[in-house]
Amino acid sequence: MEQKRVSAADVAQKAGVSRTTVSFVVNNTPGKSISEDTRQRVLAAMRELGYTPDESARRVAMARRQTVGLYVRHTQYVYTDAFIVRTVEGMSQAVNRHRVQLIIQPISQSYSGSYVDLVRHDNLDGIILINTRAGDDGLSELIGSRIPVVSLDDLGDLDVDQVFVDNRGAARQIVEYLLGLGHTRIAMITHAALSFTASSARFEGYKDALHNAGIQYDEALVRCADFSERSGHDAMIELLSLRDRPTAVFSGNDVVAYGALLAAREKNVAVPDEISVVGFDDDYLSRYMNPPLTSVALPAAGMGSAAVSLLVERLSENGKARKSRRLVLPTHISIRSSASAPAS
């Protein structure tokens, strides 16, 4: 006599849950919150009963899997930018958990077209934006559409879900750290043009710290990089060539700081004995620099994971109107040995 095939109903009865819950666990259905205890009970029941999901049904479920995109507003350094890489790591864990697909789409800095057209061309269900720029007309069009969006930049009062850190406040704090060491002539190398939201916010934080300390802002001490080590190197060479050079440099991200450290080494300027250097991001490599880099630590992976979860939540609402959410994640300063009191 042929043995009866174990069904989803059998698993549901064994685990003490509904058949719908079994389906959600089997297919990792996006947007459905299943507790880990319930998930493990269902999986244990499946193993004990020898349950094998119907592959044709699984294929149908997989065909409905949603696809989200990460749109990065710079192209040349997307896959070497430490912050982007760590953010994608966090996203990867979340998309696997929610059973959605992720594509990464670099967008040229000079692009002035429609995000909506890009989303439709890529057949995406929703997108996450990073490295947004001030005055970007495409943002208004995108937010006005029905496409679910999450920004990894602080877009202020714009009606869109946002996951970000207080770039301005964090920059102010690390410059205050340098001031506390006794530095008064502090330069800044922004990690990107000031048209980028995060770059502008960190620059404002730098100026805030100087103002609060009663130190006059000096534009001769500011240089703009372009996300790369090379641009940080070249900017540092210029700062070291000043007749009255700075005693400390705040780099807008760690990658730019790496270039600054190299420039100091090439010019035989000792860090931190002759000039202090601090960064922003706390990249993996920062602790292995020579000397190890003091830096603002960002929860990049956490930001990526939270952005995916927010987006999946939006997708599960099927266009239902609700107030946008702003999640501000904490930062802290990782103090190492690239900064010290200025030489007398």
Protein backbone atom coordinates (compact mmCIF):
# COMPACT_ATOMS: atom_id res chain seq x y z
CA MET A 1 0.00 0.00 0.00
CA GLU A 2 1.40 3.40 -1.01
CA GLN A 3 2.41 5.56 1.93
CA LYS A 4 0.40 8.75 2.31
CA ARG A 5 2.39 11.86 1.41
CA VAL A 6 3.01 14.21 4.33
CA SER A 7 1.14 17.46 3.76
CA ALA A 8 1.53 21.02 4.99
CA ALA A 9 -1.57 20.43 7.11
CA ASP A 10 0.24 17.56 8.88
CA VAL A 11 3.19 19.84 9.62
CA ALA A 12 0.84 22.57 10.86
CA GLN A 13 -0.89 20.15 13.24
CA LYS A 14 2.43 18.81 14.53
CA ALA A 15 3.86 22.30 15.12
CA GLY A 16 0.61 23.73 16.51
CA VAL A 17 0.38 26.48 13.89
CA SER A 18 -1.79 27.29 10.89
CA ARG A 19 -1.15 26.02 7.36
CA THR A 20 -0.58 29.64 6.35
CA THR A 21 2.24 29.92 8.88
CA VAL A 22 3.82 26.76 7.48
CA SER A 23 3.64 28.28 3.99
CA PHE A 24 5.26 31.50 5.19
CA VAL A 25 8.13 29.56 6.79
CA VAL A 26 8.66 27.24 3.82
CA ASN A 27 8.72 30.11 1.31
CA ASN A 28 10.28 32.77 3.56
CA THR A 29 7.44 35.02 2.47
CA PRO A 30 8.58 38.68 2.51
CA GLY A 31 6.86 41.09 4.87
CA LYS A 32 5.58 38.36 7.22
CA SER A 33 6.86 38.51 10.78
CA ILE A 34 7.29 34.98 12.12
CA SER A 35 8.97 34.59 15.53
CA GLU A 36 12.15 32.54 15.60
CA ASP A 37 10.56 30.11 18.09
CA THR A 38 7.63 29.47 15.73
CA ARG A 39 9.94 29.10 12.74
CA GLN A 40 12.07 26.53 14.56
CA ARG A 41 8.97 24.55 15.63
CA VAL A 42 7.80 24.38 12.03
CA LEU A 43 11.24 23.34 10.77
CA ALA A 44 11.49 20.66 13.49
CA ALA A 45 8.05 19.29 12.54
CA MET A 46 9.08 19.18 8.87
CA ARG A 47 12.21 17.19 9.71
CA GLU A 48 10.39 14.80 12.05
CA LEU A 49 7.60 14.07 9.54
CA GLY A 50 9.91 14.01 6.53
CA TYR A 51 7.95 16.77 4.83
CA THR A 52 9.16 17.84 1.38
CA PRO A 53 7.53 20.97 -0.09
CA ASP A 54 5.91 20.57 -3.50
CA GLU A 55 8.50 21.94 -5.92
CA SER A 56 5.95 23.28 -8.38
CA ALA A 57 4.34 25.28 -5.60
CA ARG A 58 7.76 26.53 -4.52
CA ARG A 59 8.52 27.69 -8.05
CA VAL A 60 5.29 29.64 -8.13
CA ALA A 61 6.17 31.25 -4.79
CA MET A 62 9.68 32.05 -5.98
CA ALA A 63 8.31 33.64 -9.13
CA ARG A 64 6.56 36.16 -6.91
CA ARG A 65 9.76 37.07 -5.10
CA GLN A 66 10.16 40.81 -5.05
CA THR A 67 13.21 42.65 -6.31
CA VAL A 68 14.64 45.77 -4.71
CA GLY A 69 17.45 47.97 -5.92
CA LEU A 70 20.26 49.87 -4.24
CA TYR A 71 20.90 53.03 -6.24
CA VAL A 72 24.32 54.52 -5.45
CA ARG A 73 24.91 58.04 -6.69
CA HIS A 74 28.55 57.58 -7.72
CA THR A 75 29.98 54.98 -10.04
CA GLN A 76 33.77 54.89 -10.06
CA TYR A 77 34.34 53.70 -6.49
CA VAL A 78 31.14 51.81 -5.67
CA TYR A 79 32.83 48.44 -5.16
CA THR A 80 35.86 49.81 -3.27
CA ASP A 81 34.01 52.30 -1.06
CA ALA A 82 34.28 50.72 2.40
CA PHE A 83 31.00 52.19 3.64
CA ILE A 84 29.09 50.89 0.60
CA VAL A 85 30.60 47.41 0.98
CA ARG A 86 29.66 47.19 4.66
CA THR A 87 26.18 48.52 3.97
CA VAL A 88 25.65 45.87 1.29
CA GLU A 89 26.80 43.20 3.75
CA GLY A 90 23.99 44.23 6.07
CA MET A 91 21.53 44.33 3.20
CA SER A 92 22.54 40.85 2.04
CA GLN A 93 21.60 39.33 5.39
CA ALA A 94 18.26 41.15 5.36
CA VAL A 95 17.30 40.26 1.78
CA ASN A 96 18.03 36.61 2.53
CA ARG A 97 15.90 36.78 5.65
CA HIS A 98 13.01 38.46 3.84
CA ARG A 99 13.42 36.41 0.62
CA VAL A 100 13.72 39.38 -1.69
CA GLN A 101 16.29 39.93 -4.40
CA LEU A 102 18.77 42.83 -4.42
CA ILE A 103 20.41 44.51 -7.37
CA ILE A 104 23.05 47.24 -7.10
CA GLN A 105 22.79 50.07 -9.61
CA PRO A 106 25.57 52.69 -9.67
CA ILE A 107 24.36 56.02 -11.06
CA SER A 108 26.74 58.57 -12.53
CA GLN A 109 27.17 61.80 -10.59
CA SER A 110 26.22 63.67 -13.76
CA TYR A 111 22.96 61.75 -14.26
CA SER A 112 20.01 64.15 -14.40
CA GLY A 113 17.31 61.79 -15.62
CA SER A 114 14.36 60.17 -13.90
CA TYR A 115 14.72 57.67 -11.04
CA VAL A 116 11.19 56.55 -11.85
CA ASP A 117 12.25 55.61 -15.38
CA LEU A 118 15.24 53.67 -14.00
CA VAL A 119 13.05 51.76 -11.54
CA ARG A 120 10.59 50.83 -14.26
CA HIS A 121 13.37 49.87 -16.66
CA ASP A 122 14.92 47.59 -14.00
CA ASN A 123 11.46 46.20 -13.11
CA LEU A 124 11.99 46.86 -9.40
CA ASP A 125 9.41 46.71 -6.63
CA GLY A 126 11.20 49.33 -4.54
CA ILE A 127 14.56 51.06 -4.10
CA ILE A 128 17.07 52.21 -1.51
CA LEU A 129 18.98 55.42 -2.26
CA ILE A 130 22.45 56.33 -1.04
CA ASN A 131 24.65 59.38 -1.67
CA THR A 132 21.78 61.66 -2.58
CA ARG A 133 22.52 65.18 -3.75
CA ALA A 134 20.95 68.49 -2.87
CA GLY A 135 18.61 69.93 -5.48
CA ASP A 136 18.04 66.58 -7.20
CA ASP A 137 14.77 67.02 -9.11
CA GLY A 138 14.52 63.26 -9.60
CA LEU A 139 13.95 62.82 -5.86
CA SER A 140 10.75 64.86 -5.88
CA GLU A 141 9.38 62.89 -8.81
CA LEU A 142 10.29 59.60 -7.15
CA ILE A 143 8.74 60.51 -3.82
CA GLY A 144 5.60 61.67 -5.61
CA SER A 145 5.26 58.30 -7.34
CA ARG A 146 3.85 55.18 -5.67
CA ILE A 147 7.24 53.45 -5.70
CA PRO A 148 8.39 52.41 -2.20
CA VAL A 149 11.63 54.22 -1.34
CA VAL A 150 14.08 54.28 1.57
CA SER A 151 16.90 56.82 1.77
CA LEU A 152 20.18 56.17 3.56
CA ASP A 153 20.71 59.93 3.79
CA ASP A 154 18.96 62.48 5.95
CA LEU A 155 16.48 64.15 3.61
CA GLY A 156 14.89 66.24 6.32
CA ASP A 157 11.16 66.79 6.00
CA LEU A 158 10.78 65.00 2.66
CA ASP A 159 7.98 62.44 2.92
CA VAL A 160 10.08 59.31 2.50
CA ASP A 161 11.38 56.59 4.83
CA GLN A 162 14.93 57.38 5.97
CA VAL A 163 17.66 55.45 7.81
CA PHE A 164 20.70 57.56 8.64
CA VAL A 165 23.17 58.82 11.21
CA ASP A 166 23.60 62.35 12.49
CA ASN A 167 26.50 63.20 10.19
CA ARG A 168 26.64 66.81 11.34
CA GLY A 169 26.63 65.93 15.03
CA ALA A 170 29.18 63.13 14.63
CA ALA A 171 31.54 65.37 12.65
CA ARG A 172 31.22 68.07 15.31
CA GLN A 173 32.12 65.54 18.00
CA ILE A 174 35.30 64.28 16.35
CA VAL A 175 36.49 67.83 15.66
CA GLU A 176 35.74 68.63 19.30
CA TYR A 177 37.91 65.64 20.17
CA LEU A 178 40.79 67.26 18.24
CA LEU A 179 40.11 70.57 19.94
CA GLY A 180 40.22 68.80 23.28
CA LEU A 181 43.70 67.52 22.44
CA GLY A 182 44.79 71.13 22.03
CA HIS A 183 44.56 71.61 18.25
CA THR A 184 43.32 74.97 17.00
CA ARG A 185 44.45 74.87 13.36
CA ILE A 186 42.34 71.99 12.05
CA ALA A 187 41.87 71.28 8.34
CA MET A 188 39.15 69.24 6.68
CA ILE A 189 39.21 67.10 3.55
CA THR A 190 35.58 66.43 2.62
CA HIS A 191 35.07 62.95 1.17
CA ALA A 192 32.98 64.28 -1.74
CA ALA A 193 31.68 67.48 -3.28
CA LEU A 194 29.51 69.51 -0.92
CA SER A 195 26.50 68.90 -3.18
CA PHE A 196 26.32 65.41 -1.61
CA THR A 197 24.04 65.39 1.43
CA ALA A 198 26.39 63.55 3.82
CA SER A 199 29.46 65.50 2.75
CA SER A 200 27.70 68.81 3.33
CA ALA A 201 26.44 67.70 6.76
CA ARG A 202 29.93 66.65 7.91
CA PHE A 203 31.36 69.92 6.67
CA GLU A 204 28.75 71.85 8.66
CA GLY A 205 29.63 69.81 11.75
CA TYR A 206 33.29 70.74 11.28
CA LYS A 207 32.38 74.42 11.14
CA ASP A 208 30.04 74.07 14.13
CA ALA A 209 32.87 72.75 16.31
CA LEU A 210 35.20 75.58 15.31
CA HIS A 211 32.50 78.19 15.90
CA ASN A 212 31.62 76.79 19.32
CA ALA A 213 35.30 76.92 20.27
CA GLY A 214 35.61 80.54 19.14
CA ILE A 215 37.91 79.66 16.23
CA GLN A 216 37.39 81.51 12.97
CA TYR A 217 36.67 79.31 9.95
CA ASP A 218 39.49 79.44 7.37
CA GLU A 219 38.56 78.24 3.87
CA ALA A 220 42.27 77.81 3.08
CA LEU A 221 42.19 74.74 5.33
CA VAL A 222 39.42 72.95 3.40
CA ARG A 223 39.81 70.65 0.42
CA CYS A 224 37.23 68.45 -1.38
CA ALA A 225 38.00 64.86 -2.36
CA ASP A 226 36.02 62.50 -4.60
CA PHE A 227 35.55 59.33 -2.52
CA SER A 228 39.02 58.00 -3.43
CA GLU A 229 42.38 57.47 -1.71
CA ARG A 230 44.09 59.37 -4.53
CA SER A 231 41.96 62.47 -4.01
CA GLY A 232 42.68 62.33 -0.26
CA HIS A 233 46.39 62.00 -1.01
CA ASP A 234 46.42 64.99 -3.35
CA ALA A 235 44.41 67.13 -0.94
CA MET A 236 46.80 66.32 1.90
CA ILE A 237 49.81 67.23 -0.25
CA GLU A 238 48.26 70.66 -0.76
CA LEU A 239 47.60 71.12 2.96
CA LEU A 240 51.14 70.09 3.87
CA SER A 241 52.45 72.65 1.39
CA LEU A 242 50.81 75.56 3.20
CA ARG A 243 53.21 77.97 4.88
CA ASP A 244 51.14 77.79 8.07
CA ARG A 245 50.03 74.22 7.77
CA PRO A 246 47.42 72.60 10.03
CA THR A 247 48.31 70.52 13.06
CA ALA A 248 45.34 68.19 12.50
CA VAL A 249 43.22 67.00 9.57
CA PHE A 250 39.66 65.68 9.68
CA SER A 251 39.00 63.45 6.66
CA GLY A 252 35.36 63.08 5.61
CA ASN A 253 35.73 59.30 5.32
CA ASP A 254 38.35 56.67 6.05
CA VAL A 255 39.24 55.99 2.42
CA VAL A 256 40.19 59.64 1.98
CA ALA A 257 42.11 59.45 5.27
CA TYR A 258 44.17 56.53 3.91
CA GLY A 259 45.35 58.75 1.08
CA ALA A 260 46.13 61.53 3.57
CA LEU A 261 48.24 59.17 5.68
CA LEU A 262 50.18 58.09 2.60
CA ALA A 263 50.86 61.72 1.64
CA ALA A 264 52.17 62.47 5.12
CA ARG A 265 54.48 59.46 4.91
CA GLU A 266 55.76 60.57 1.49
CA LYS A 267 56.51 64.05 2.86
CA ASN A 268 58.20 62.60 5.96
CA VAL A 269 55.63 64.25 8.22
CA ALA A 270 55.11 62.04 11.26
CA VAL A 271 51.56 61.11 12.28
CA PRO A 272 50.56 61.98 14.96
CA ASP A 273 53.75 63.66 16.25
CA GLU A 274 53.72 66.41 13.60
CA ILE A 275 50.14 66.20 12.32
CA SER A 276 47.06 64.33 13.56
CA VAL A 277 44.66 62.61 11.15
CA VAL A 278 41.14 61.36 11.91
CA GLY A 279 38.53 59.77 9.66
CA PHE A 280 34.85 58.92 9.43
CA ASP A 281 33.31 55.42 8.90
CA ASP A 282 35.62 53.22 11.01
CA ASP A 283 36.33 50.91 8.10
CA TYR A 284 37.78 47.44 8.79
CA LEU A 285 41.21 48.56 7.62
CA SER A 286 41.35 51.61 9.88
CA ARG A 287 42.74 49.67 12.83
CA TYR A 288 45.50 48.24 10.63
CA MET A 289 46.78 51.55 9.28
CA ASN A 290 50.16 52.91 10.33
CA PRO A 291 49.30 54.40 12.72
CA PRO A 292 45.83 52.95 13.44
CA LEU A 293 43.22 55.53 12.50
CA THR A 294 40.94 57.33 14.96
CA SER A 295 37.54 57.49 13.28
CA VAL A 296 33.81 58.00 13.72
CA ALA A 297 32.25 54.53 13.81
CA LEU A 298 29.13 54.17 11.67
CA PRO A 299 26.72 51.20 11.94
CA ALA A 300 26.88 50.68 8.16
CA ALA A 301 25.68 47.06 8.19
CA GLY A 302 22.89 47.97 10.59
CA MET A 303 21.82 50.81 8.32
CA GLY A 304 21.68 48.46 5.33
CA SER A 305 19.69 45.83 7.22
CA ALA A 306 17.25 48.40 8.63
CA ALA A 307 16.72 49.96 5.20
CA VAL A 308 15.79 46.60 3.65
CA SER A 309 13.41 45.81 6.51
CA LEU A 310 11.70 49.20 6.17
CA LEU A 311 11.38 48.71 2.42
CA VAL A 312 9.92 45.21 2.78
CA GLU A 313 7.46 46.61 5.30
CA ARG A 314 6.39 49.22 2.75
CA LEU A 315 6.04 46.57 0.05
CA SER A 316 3.81 44.45 2.27
CA GLU A 317 1.43 47.41 2.72
CA ASN A 318 0.63 47.46 -1.01
CA GLY A 319 0.57 51.24 -1.30
CA LYS A 320 -1.34 51.86 1.93
CA ALA A 321 -0.71 55.42 3.09
CA ARG A 322 1.11 55.93 6.37
CA LYS A 323 3.50 58.48 7.80
CA SER A 324 7.10 58.09 6.68
CA ARG A 325 9.65 56.93 9.25
CA ARG A 326 13.04 58.42 10.19
CA LEU A 327 15.43 56.02 11.93
CA VAL A 328 18.54 57.70 13.35
CA LEU A 329 21.24 55.18 14.29
CA PRO A 330 23.96 55.99 16.86
CA THR A 331 27.65 56.66 16.20
CA HIS A 332 30.72 56.79 18.43
CA ILE A 333 34.39 57.67 18.11
CA SER A 334 36.88 54.78 17.88
CA ILE A 335 40.00 56.29 19.44
CA ARG A 336 43.29 54.89 18.19
CA SER A 337 46.75 56.41 17.77
CA SER A 338 46.56 58.66 14.69
CA ALA A 339 45.76 61.74 16.79
CA SER A 340 47.55 63.28 19.75
CA ALA A 341 48.24 66.68 21.26
CA PRO A 342 50.00 69.08 18.86
CA ALA A 343 53.74 69.43 19.09
CA SER A 344 54.83 72.43 21.12
